[in-house]
Amino acid sequence: MAQAYENRLIRVVDYIHDNLDGDLSLDALSDVASMSRFHWHRIWTAMTGETLAQTTRRIRLHRASVMLVFEEASLSEIAARCGYPDQASFTRTFRERMGVTPGVFRDRGRALPPLQFDSHSRENDMTYEVRLSEEAVRKVAGIEHKGAYQEISRAFETLAATLAARGQMAQMREMVGVFYEDARSRPVEDLRSYAGAVVPEQFDVTEPFEKVELSGGEYAVLTFHGPYTGLQEAYDFFFGEWLTGSGRDAADSPCFEKYLNTPADTAPEKLVTEIYMPLVPAS
């Protein structure tokens, strides 16, 4: 199964090289990989050590450097062919990375070597307990949060205060966080998540809550012990080493986190979080 994920990775790399002036958005590259956009960025970053945006930027800069040295194309043509919106954007990005303008670089006559993935950033000696679990559909009363995931605590405070004010705390079955994208996949202001309480079907979801439904079916569940600041490494292991070697595919729905205790009464090193990854049914 690891080979299947490697094939997807190579397919995306080839597509980026062949379409530098085309649509290289997360949605487009997820389609090329035949993977859910909810998960492909996490898999890519776990396998390569860099985000899709970093990969695209790196390949564009390398292609531009080769064209500058070996072709007589104008700077505006190179910018267009390498996917920059205009020459000014190309010049600015190139100078920020290379320390010189494209014109000076061309005059020096030396192209960049192909830049490699930063394999050092993939090092992670941690291992985690992962189990498979059949889960029922969950109805969630959620408070939407937009922005950096580490700031979702405000939404959780609103969630808890509202439940308490309405005398509904006893109806909360589980506290969960629903995260729709890898935090590294898009600008912080575009990230979307929910602080949520799993509630009974008869629970009346009214403002400020929004109803969020978490699909049922088979999940892989990773148990993480420790402060929330360590969750990113757990995700990288989950979508990198575990998933690519598991013989399974992640299904087209978001991951969610289930919190078995809270920082309100638990030391950071004793926090326990379960990460739920939805799986495509085994064939």
Protein backbone atom coordinates (compact mmCIF):
# COMPACT_ATOMS: atom_id res chain seq x y z
CA MET A 1 0.00 0.00 0.00
CA ALA A 2 2.94 2.34 0.64
CA GLN A 3 3.74 2.02 -3.06
CA ALA A 4 0.25 3.25 -3.94
CA TYR A 5 0.84 6.42 -1.93
CA GLU A 6 4.26 6.87 -3.52
CA ASN A 7 2.58 6.60 -6.92
CA ARG A 8 0.13 9.32 -5.93
CA LEU A 9 2.97 11.53 -4.78
CA ILE A 10 4.87 11.05 -8.03
CA ARG A 11 1.71 11.72 -10.05
CA VAL A 12 1.26 15.05 -8.25
CA VAL A 13 4.93 15.99 -8.72
CA ASP A 14 4.64 15.28 -12.44
CA TYR A 15 1.44 17.30 -12.65
CA ILE A 16 3.03 20.30 -10.92
CA HIS A 17 5.99 20.22 -13.31
CA ASP A 18 3.68 19.99 -16.32
CA ASN A 19 1.22 22.66 -15.18
CA LEU A 20 3.20 25.43 -13.51
CA ASP A 21 1.00 28.02 -15.19
CA GLY A 22 -2.22 26.15 -14.35
CA ASP A 23 -4.40 25.42 -11.34
CA LEU A 24 -2.19 24.06 -8.56
CA SER A 25 -4.69 24.60 -5.76
CA LEU A 26 -5.15 22.03 -3.01
CA ASP A 27 -8.45 20.93 -4.56
CA ALA A 28 -6.85 20.42 -7.98
CA LEU A 29 -3.86 18.48 -6.64
CA SER A 30 -6.12 16.36 -4.42
CA ASP A 31 -8.05 15.39 -7.56
CA VAL A 32 -4.79 14.44 -9.29
CA ALA A 33 -3.91 12.24 -6.30
CA SER A 34 -7.43 10.77 -6.24
CA MET A 35 -7.60 11.63 -2.55
CA SER A 36 -9.93 13.63 -0.37
CA ARG A 37 -8.87 17.25 0.05
CA PHE A 38 -9.52 16.74 3.76
CA HIS A 39 -6.52 14.42 3.95
CA TRP A 40 -4.21 14.77 0.95
CA HIS A 41 -2.29 17.77 2.30
CA ARG A 42 -1.59 15.98 5.59
CA ILE A 43 -0.39 12.88 3.71
CA TRP A 44 1.79 14.96 1.37
CA THR A 45 3.41 16.90 4.20
CA ALA A 46 3.96 13.79 6.31
CA MET A 47 5.63 11.98 3.39
CA THR A 48 7.72 14.83 2.00
CA GLY A 49 8.42 17.13 4.93
CA GLU A 50 7.10 20.20 3.13
CA THR A 51 3.72 21.69 2.32
CA LEU A 52 2.23 21.61 -1.16
CA ALA A 53 2.72 25.37 -1.37
CA GLN A 54 6.41 24.97 -0.54
CA THR A 55 6.78 22.26 -3.17
CA THR A 56 5.07 24.35 -5.83
CA ARG A 57 7.15 27.42 -4.96
CA ARG A 58 10.37 25.39 -5.02
CA ILE A 59 9.63 23.81 -8.40
CA ARG A 60 8.62 27.16 -9.91
CA LEU A 61 11.86 28.79 -8.73
CA HIS A 62 13.98 25.96 -10.08
CA ARG A 63 12.22 26.04 -13.46
CA ALA A 64 12.62 29.82 -13.61
CA SER A 65 16.33 29.61 -12.79
CA VAL A 66 16.90 27.13 -15.61
CA MET A 67 14.98 29.27 -18.08
CA LEU A 68 16.90 32.38 -17.05
CA VAL A 69 20.25 30.72 -17.80
CA PHE A 70 19.45 28.51 -20.76
CA GLU A 71 16.67 30.35 -22.61
CA GLU A 72 16.33 33.79 -24.12
CA ALA A 73 12.74 34.28 -23.01
CA SER A 74 11.85 37.65 -21.51
CA LEU A 75 11.29 38.01 -17.78
CA SER A 76 7.56 38.51 -18.33
CA GLU A 77 7.36 35.31 -20.41
CA ILE A 78 9.27 33.31 -17.79
CA ALA A 79 6.97 34.68 -15.11
CA ALA A 80 3.88 33.60 -17.05
CA ARG A 81 5.20 30.14 -17.94
CA CYS A 82 6.21 29.47 -14.32
CA GLY A 83 2.81 30.46 -12.96
CA TYR A 84 3.47 33.91 -11.49
CA PRO A 85 0.61 36.40 -11.89
CA ASP A 86 2.95 39.09 -13.28
CA GLN A 87 6.61 40.03 -13.65
CA ALA A 88 6.62 42.11 -10.48
CA SER A 89 5.42 39.16 -8.40
CA PHE A 90 8.03 36.91 -10.02
CA THR A 91 10.84 39.40 -9.35
CA ARG A 92 9.79 39.90 -5.73
CA THR A 93 9.52 36.17 -4.98
CA PHE A 94 12.76 35.34 -6.76
CA ARG A 95 14.70 38.07 -4.94
CA GLU A 96 13.30 37.03 -1.54
CA ARG A 97 14.52 33.47 -2.05
CA MET A 98 17.72 34.02 -4.04
CA GLY A 99 18.87 37.37 -2.73
CA VAL A 100 19.17 38.84 -6.24
CA THR A 101 16.75 39.83 -8.99
CA PRO A 102 16.11 37.50 -11.95
CA GLY A 103 18.10 39.86 -14.19
CA VAL A 104 21.20 39.71 -12.00
CA PHE A 105 20.83 35.95 -11.66
CA ARG A 106 20.67 35.62 -15.46
CA ASP A 107 23.83 37.70 -15.84
CA ARG A 108 25.70 35.37 -13.49
CA GLY A 109 24.76 32.44 -15.74
CA ARG A 110 24.45 29.65 -13.19
CA ALA A 111 21.22 27.72 -12.72
CA LEU A 112 20.04 26.31 -9.44
CA PRO A 113 20.49 22.58 -8.82
CA PRO A 114 17.19 20.77 -8.38
CA LEU A 115 16.10 21.46 -4.83
CA GLN A 116 15.26 18.40 -2.76
CA PHE A 117 12.63 17.80 -0.12
CA ASP A 118 13.82 18.71 3.34
CA SER A 119 14.03 15.17 4.66
CA HIS A 120 15.27 16.35 8.06
CA SER A 121 11.86 17.82 8.82
CA ARG A 122 10.34 14.35 8.51
CA GLU A 123 12.30 12.92 11.42
CA ASN A 124 9.97 11.78 14.16
CA ASP A 125 10.92 8.98 16.52
CA MET A 126 7.56 8.96 18.29
CA THR A 127 5.20 6.03 17.90
CA TYR A 128 1.56 6.02 18.86
CA GLU A 129 -1.19 3.54 19.62
CA VAL A 130 -3.60 3.19 16.69
CA ARG A 131 -6.70 1.02 16.68
CA LEU A 132 -9.57 0.43 14.25
CA SER A 133 -13.06 1.20 15.46
CA GLU A 134 -16.59 1.06 14.04
CA GLU A 135 -18.30 4.34 14.91
CA ALA A 136 -21.91 5.47 14.81
CA VAL A 137 -22.99 8.78 13.28
CA ARG A 138 -22.40 11.63 15.71
CA LYS A 139 -24.66 14.68 15.99
CA VAL A 140 -22.61 17.65 17.11
CA ALA A 141 -23.68 21.05 18.43
CA GLY A 142 -20.77 23.15 17.26
CA ILE A 143 -19.39 26.64 17.60
CA GLU A 144 -17.60 27.65 14.41
CA HIS A 145 -14.03 28.93 14.66
CA LYS A 146 -12.22 30.65 11.81
CA GLY A 147 -8.47 31.16 11.95
CA ALA A 148 -5.53 29.51 13.70
CA TYR A 149 -6.47 26.17 15.19
CA GLN A 150 -4.52 26.87 18.38
CA GLU A 151 -6.96 29.70 19.09
CA ILE A 152 -10.06 27.49 19.07
CA SER A 153 -10.15 27.61 22.89
CA ARG A 154 -12.34 30.72 22.63
CA ALA A 155 -14.97 28.71 20.74
CA PHE A 156 -14.78 25.95 23.35
CA GLU A 157 -15.32 28.53 26.10
CA THR A 158 -18.41 29.79 24.25
CA LEU A 159 -19.62 26.20 23.82
CA ALA A 160 -19.27 25.38 27.52
CA ALA A 161 -20.74 28.67 28.73
CA THR A 162 -23.79 28.32 26.48
CA LEU A 163 -24.45 24.72 27.51
CA ALA A 164 -24.10 25.69 31.17
CA ALA A 165 -26.38 28.72 30.85
CA ARG A 166 -29.06 26.58 29.23
CA GLY A 167 -28.73 23.76 31.76
CA GLN A 168 -27.67 21.37 28.99
CA MET A 169 -24.22 20.26 30.18
CA ALA A 170 -25.61 16.88 31.21
CA GLN A 171 -26.69 16.22 27.61
CA MET A 172 -23.13 16.51 26.29
CA ARG A 173 -21.81 13.03 25.57
CA GLU A 174 -18.35 13.89 24.25
CA MET A 175 -16.33 17.03 23.57
CA VAL A 176 -14.84 17.07 20.08
CA GLY A 177 -12.93 19.35 17.73
CA VAL A 178 -13.62 19.10 13.99
CA PHE A 179 -10.81 20.33 11.73
CA TYR A 180 -11.50 20.58 8.01
CA GLU A 181 -7.99 21.11 6.64
CA ASP A 182 -4.37 20.60 7.49
CA ALA A 183 -3.38 23.85 9.23
CA ARG A 184 -0.45 24.16 6.79
CA SER A 185 -2.58 23.82 3.67
CA ARG A 186 -3.94 27.35 3.34
CA PRO A 187 -3.74 30.87 4.81
CA VAL A 188 -4.57 31.01 8.51
CA GLU A 189 -7.57 33.25 7.91
CA ASP A 190 -9.13 30.59 5.66
CA LEU A 191 -8.94 27.74 8.19
CA ARG A 192 -12.28 26.47 9.48
CA SER A 193 -13.01 24.30 12.49
CA TYR A 194 -15.68 23.61 15.11
CA ALA A 195 -15.59 23.30 18.87
CA GLY A 196 -18.30 20.77 19.45
CA ALA A 197 -20.35 18.72 21.87
CA VAL A 198 -21.76 15.37 20.77
CA VAL A 199 -25.44 15.48 21.72
CA PRO A 200 -28.50 13.20 21.52
CA GLU A 201 -30.54 13.15 18.32
CA GLN A 202 -33.43 14.97 20.03
CA PHE A 203 -31.16 17.87 21.09
CA ASP A 204 -32.45 21.15 19.64
CA VAL A 205 -29.51 22.84 17.90
CA THR A 206 -30.13 26.58 17.93
CA GLU A 207 -27.89 29.65 17.74
CA PRO A 208 -25.08 30.12 18.56
CA PHE A 209 -24.70 26.42 17.82
CA GLU A 210 -24.50 24.94 14.34
CA LYS A 211 -25.38 21.33 13.60
CA VAL A 212 -22.41 19.29 12.43
CA GLU A 213 -22.76 15.62 11.52
CA LEU A 214 -19.79 13.28 11.79
CA SER A 215 -20.22 10.26 9.54
CA GLY A 216 -20.36 6.75 10.89
CA GLY A 217 -18.31 3.79 9.69
CA GLU A 218 -14.82 2.50 10.25
CA TYR A 219 -12.21 4.83 11.71
CA ALA A 220 -8.58 4.57 12.61
CA VAL A 221 -8.13 6.07 16.07
CA LEU A 222 -4.79 7.36 17.34
CA THR A 223 -4.40 7.98 21.07
CA PHE A 224 -2.14 10.89 21.96
CA HIS A 225 -0.85 11.57 25.46
CA GLY A 226 0.46 15.04 26.23
CA PRO A 227 -0.02 18.75 25.54
CA TYR A 228 -1.95 19.86 22.49
CA THR A 229 1.23 21.45 21.08
CA GLY A 230 2.41 17.93 20.21
CA LEU A 231 -0.63 17.00 18.13
CA GLN A 232 0.92 18.05 14.80
CA GLU A 233 3.64 15.40 15.13
CA ALA A 234 0.96 12.84 15.91
CA TYR A 235 -0.95 13.82 12.75
CA ASP A 236 2.24 13.55 10.69
CA PHE A 237 2.85 10.03 11.99
CA PHE A 238 -0.81 9.09 11.48
CA PHE A 239 -1.01 10.25 7.84
CA GLY A 240 2.58 9.40 6.99
CA GLU A 241 3.96 6.23 8.52
CA TRP A 242 0.71 4.62 9.71
CA LEU A 243 -1.71 5.33 6.83
CA THR A 244 0.74 4.75 3.99
CA GLY A 245 1.70 1.39 5.45
CA SER A 246 -1.76 0.30 6.56
CA GLY A 247 -3.25 -0.89 3.28
CA ARG A 248 -6.15 1.53 3.76
CA ASP A 249 -7.36 4.87 2.33
CA ALA A 250 -8.76 7.82 4.26
CA ALA A 251 -12.41 8.53 3.43
CA ASP A 252 -13.71 11.82 2.06
CA SER A 253 -14.79 13.40 5.35
CA PRO A 254 -12.91 15.37 7.98
CA CYS A 255 -10.92 14.10 10.91
CA PHE A 256 -12.01 15.01 14.39
CA GLU A 257 -10.45 15.01 17.83
CA LYS A 258 -12.11 13.62 20.95
CA TYR A 259 -10.91 15.01 24.28
CA LEU A 260 -10.92 12.54 27.17
CA ASN A 261 -10.01 15.27 29.67
CA THR A 262 -9.45 19.04 29.59
CA PRO A 263 -6.76 21.57 30.53
CA ALA A 264 -9.22 23.03 33.06
CA ASP A 265 -8.40 20.27 35.56
CA THR A 266 -5.56 18.28 33.97
CA ALA A 267 -1.83 18.97 33.66
CA PRO A 268 -0.67 19.32 30.02
CA GLU A 269 1.46 16.16 30.12
CA LYS A 270 -1.56 14.13 31.32
CA LEU A 271 -3.99 15.26 28.61
CA VAL A 272 -5.39 12.45 26.45
CA THR A 273 -6.68 13.13 22.93
CA GLU A 274 -8.02 10.67 20.38
CA ILE A 275 -7.66 11.55 16.69
CA TYR A 276 -10.30 9.92 14.47
CA MET A 277 -9.46 9.31 10.81
CA PRO A 278 -12.38 8.07 8.63
CA LEU A 279 -11.50 5.12 6.42
CA VAL A 280 -12.75 3.90 3.05
CA PRO A 281 -14.43 0.50 3.62
CA ALA A 282 -11.99 -2.37 3.15
CA SER A 283 -12.52 -4.23 -0.11
